[in-house]
Amino acid sequence: MLLVHCPYCEETLPELEFAYAGEAHIARPVNPSDQTDDQWRDFLFMRSNVKGPHYERWRHIHGCGRFFNAVRDTVSDRFLTTYKAGAPRPDLSTLTGGDK
């Protein structure tokens, strides 16, 4: 069972309390109507799908209901950290011991 820490509630709870909400830090186009069909497709559907530390959005659906960001290692399925929405991305080298 995965345990997830909510940075708002300051509680670490089972994954069933939360919902995955996609990749974090995706910038919405400033003028969506200026995008080509291919650019809009890429914005909506193309994600990095990295092997290793990955920035993700989560929502505490059975708690405060707020969205937050997390860094999860997709190989070990371990959460390296969670942080409030709007906060800057944490430096991966401080989370992984400098090997990334």
C-alpha atoms as a PDB file:
ATOM      1  CA  MET A   1       0.000   0.000   0.000  1.00  0.00           C
ATOM      2  CA  LEU A   2       1.253   3.453  -0.903  1.00  0.00           C
ATOM      3  CA  LEU A   3       1.257   6.080   1.813  1.00  0.00           C
ATOM      4  CA  VAL A   4       0.818   9.677   0.677  1.00  0.00           C
ATOM      5  CA  HIS A   5       1.557  12.787   2.735  1.00  0.00           C
ATOM      6  CA  CYS A   6      -0.916  15.673   2.303  1.00  0.00           C
ATOM      7  CA  PRO A   7       1.052  18.931   2.685  1.00  0.00           C
ATOM      8  CA  TYR A   8      -2.127  20.781   3.699  1.00  0.00           C
ATOM      9  CA  CYS A   9      -3.513  18.370   6.321  1.00  0.00           C
ATOM     10  CA  GLU A  10       0.006  17.349   7.410  1.00  0.00           C
ATOM     11  CA  GLU A  11      -1.125  13.711   7.527  1.00  0.00           C
ATOM     12  CA  THR A  12       0.290  10.608   5.859  1.00  0.00           C
ATOM     13  CA  LEU A  13      -2.572   8.373   4.754  1.00  0.00           C
ATOM     14  CA  PRO A  14      -3.246   5.393   2.450  1.00  0.00           C
ATOM     15  CA  GLU A  15      -3.398   6.044  -1.293  1.00  0.00           C
ATOM     16  CA  LEU A  16      -7.160   5.315  -1.266  1.00  0.00           C
ATOM     17  CA  GLU A  17      -7.635   8.750   0.344  1.00  0.00           C
ATOM     18  CA  PHE A  18      -6.193  10.419  -2.757  1.00  0.00           C
ATOM     19  CA  ALA A  19      -6.703  10.645  -6.510  1.00  0.00           C
ATOM     20  CA  TYR A  20      -3.951  10.918  -9.107  1.00  0.00           C
ATOM     21  CA  ALA A  21      -4.471  14.039 -11.250  1.00  0.00           C
ATOM     22  CA  GLY A  22      -1.776  13.772 -13.922  1.00  0.00           C
ATOM     23  CA  GLU A  23       1.630  15.246 -14.523  1.00  0.00           C
ATOM     24  CA  ALA A  24       2.460  18.413 -12.572  1.00  0.00           C
ATOM     25  CA  HIS A  25       3.760  21.724 -13.908  1.00  0.00           C
ATOM     26  CA  ILE A  26       2.067  21.552 -17.322  1.00  0.00           C
ATOM     27  CA  ALA A  27       1.801  25.108 -18.657  1.00  0.00           C
ATOM     28  CA  ARG A  28      -1.481  25.902 -20.400  1.00  0.00           C
ATOM     29  CA  PRO A  29      -1.061  27.772 -23.721  1.00  0.00           C
ATOM     30  CA  VAL A  30      -1.574  31.531 -23.320  1.00  0.00           C
ATOM     31  CA  ASN A  31      -3.808  31.695 -26.419  1.00  0.00           C
ATOM     32  CA  PRO A  32      -5.352  28.252 -26.959  1.00  0.00           C
ATOM     33  CA  SER A  33      -7.150  29.395 -30.119  1.00  0.00           C
ATOM     34  CA  ASP A  34      -3.773  30.168 -31.731  1.00  0.00           C
ATOM     35  CA  GLN A  35      -2.628  26.548 -31.358  1.00  0.00           C
ATOM     36  CA  THR A  36      -2.604  24.154 -34.270  1.00  0.00           C
ATOM     37  CA  ASP A  37      -4.488  20.887 -33.918  1.00  0.00           C
ATOM     38  CA  ASP A  38      -1.182  19.059 -33.393  1.00  0.00           C
ATOM     39  CA  GLN A  39      -0.040  21.533 -30.723  1.00  0.00           C
ATOM     40  CA  TRP A  40      -3.388  21.255 -28.914  1.00  0.00           C
ATOM     41  CA  ARG A  41      -3.231  17.439 -29.114  1.00  0.00           C
ATOM     42  CA  ASP A  42       0.262  17.493 -27.619  1.00  0.00           C
ATOM     43  CA  PHE A  43      -0.841  19.801 -24.791  1.00  0.00           C
ATOM     44  CA  LEU A  44      -3.826  17.610 -23.925  1.00  0.00           C
ATOM     45  CA  PHE A  45      -2.377  14.143 -24.293  1.00  0.00           C
ATOM     46  CA  MET A  46       1.411  14.010 -24.513  1.00  0.00           C
ATOM     47  CA  ARG A  47       3.232  13.585 -21.213  1.00  0.00           C
ATOM     48  CA  SER A  48       6.829  12.804 -20.328  1.00  0.00           C
ATOM     49  CA  ASN A  49       6.230   9.360 -18.713  1.00  0.00           C
ATOM     50  CA  VAL A  50       9.722   9.269 -17.238  1.00  0.00           C
ATOM     51  CA  LYS A  51      11.457   6.346 -15.578  1.00  0.00           C
ATOM     52  CA  GLY A  52      12.536   7.591 -12.151  1.00  0.00           C
ATOM     53  CA  PRO A  53      11.526  10.765 -10.280  1.00  0.00           C
ATOM     54  CA  HIS A  54       8.354  12.223 -11.768  1.00  0.00           C
ATOM     55  CA  TYR A  55       6.443  15.414 -10.884  1.00  0.00           C
ATOM     56  CA  GLU A  56       2.749  14.603 -10.328  1.00  0.00           C
ATOM     57  CA  ARG A  57      -0.488  16.280  -9.192  1.00  0.00           C
ATOM     58  CA  TRP A  58      -2.637  14.588  -6.569  1.00  0.00           C
ATOM     59  CA  ARG A  59      -5.882  15.499  -4.825  1.00  0.00           C
ATOM     60  CA  HIS A  60      -6.837  14.627  -1.243  1.00  0.00           C
ATOM     61  CA  ILE A  61     -10.378  13.574  -2.155  1.00  0.00           C
ATOM     62  CA  HIS A  62     -11.362  12.083   1.228  1.00  0.00           C
ATOM     63  CA  GLY A  63      -9.811  14.876   3.257  1.00  0.00           C
ATOM     64  CA  CYS A  64      -9.287  18.561   2.562  1.00  0.00           C
ATOM     65  CA  GLY A  65     -10.111  18.149  -1.154  1.00  0.00           C
ATOM     66  CA  ARG A  66      -7.103  20.220  -2.221  1.00  0.00           C
ATOM     67  CA  PHE A  67      -4.706  19.592  -5.081  1.00  0.00           C
ATOM     68  CA  PHE A  68      -0.999  19.296  -4.331  1.00  0.00           C
ATOM     69  CA  ASN A  69       2.148  18.197  -6.127  1.00  0.00           C
ATOM     70  CA  ALA A  70       4.400  15.247  -5.457  1.00  0.00           C
ATOM     71  CA  VAL A  71       7.645  13.765  -6.670  1.00  0.00           C
ATOM     72  CA  ARG A  72       7.259  10.000  -7.013  1.00  0.00           C
ATOM     73  CA  ASP A  73       9.897   7.561  -8.222  1.00  0.00           C
ATOM     74  CA  THR A  74       8.159   5.508 -10.923  1.00  0.00           C
ATOM     75  CA  VAL A  75      10.658   2.647 -10.529  1.00  0.00           C
ATOM     76  CA  SER A  76      10.288   2.091  -6.773  1.00  0.00           C
ATOM     77  CA  ASP A  77       6.771   3.660  -6.575  1.00  0.00           C
ATOM     78  CA  ARG A  78       8.006   5.621  -3.549  1.00  0.00           C
ATOM     79  CA  PHE A  79       7.023   9.227  -2.867  1.00  0.00           C
ATOM     80  CA  LEU A  80      10.144  11.358  -2.486  1.00  0.00           C
ATOM     81  CA  THR A  81       8.239  14.453  -1.338  1.00  0.00           C
ATOM     82  CA  THR A  82       4.926  16.268  -1.566  1.00  0.00           C
ATOM     83  CA  TYR A  83       4.444  20.039  -1.695  1.00  0.00           C
ATOM     84  CA  LYS A  84       1.654  22.581  -1.965  1.00  0.00           C
ATOM     85  CA  ALA A  85       0.253  23.591  -5.350  1.00  0.00           C
ATOM     86  CA  GLY A  86       1.912  26.755  -6.600  1.00  0.00           C
ATOM     87  CA  ALA A  87       5.179  26.038  -4.803  1.00  0.00           C
ATOM     88  CA  PRO A  88       8.275  25.733  -7.007  1.00  0.00           C
ATOM     89  CA  ARG A  89       9.527  22.320  -8.058  1.00  0.00           C
ATOM     90  CA  PRO A  90      11.940  20.816  -5.551  1.00  0.00           C
ATOM     91  CA  ASP A  91      15.481  20.180  -6.764  1.00  0.00           C
ATOM     92  CA  LEU A  92      15.762  16.482  -7.661  1.00  0.00           C
ATOM     93  CA  SER A  93      19.424  16.349  -6.604  1.00  0.00           C
ATOM     94  CA  THR A  94      18.427  17.088  -2.988  1.00  0.00           C
ATOM     95  CA  LEU A  95      15.793  14.317  -3.084  1.00  0.00           C
ATOM     96  CA  THR A  96      17.814  11.586  -4.774  1.00  0.00           C
ATOM     97  CA  GLY A  97      21.239  12.125  -3.256  1.00  0.00           C
ATOM     98  CA  GLY A  98      22.632  13.981  -6.259  1.00  0.00           C
ATOM     99  CA  ASP A  99      22.483  11.099  -8.763  1.00  0.00           C
ATOM    100  CA  LYS A 100      19.750  12.625 -10.981  1.00  0.00           C
END
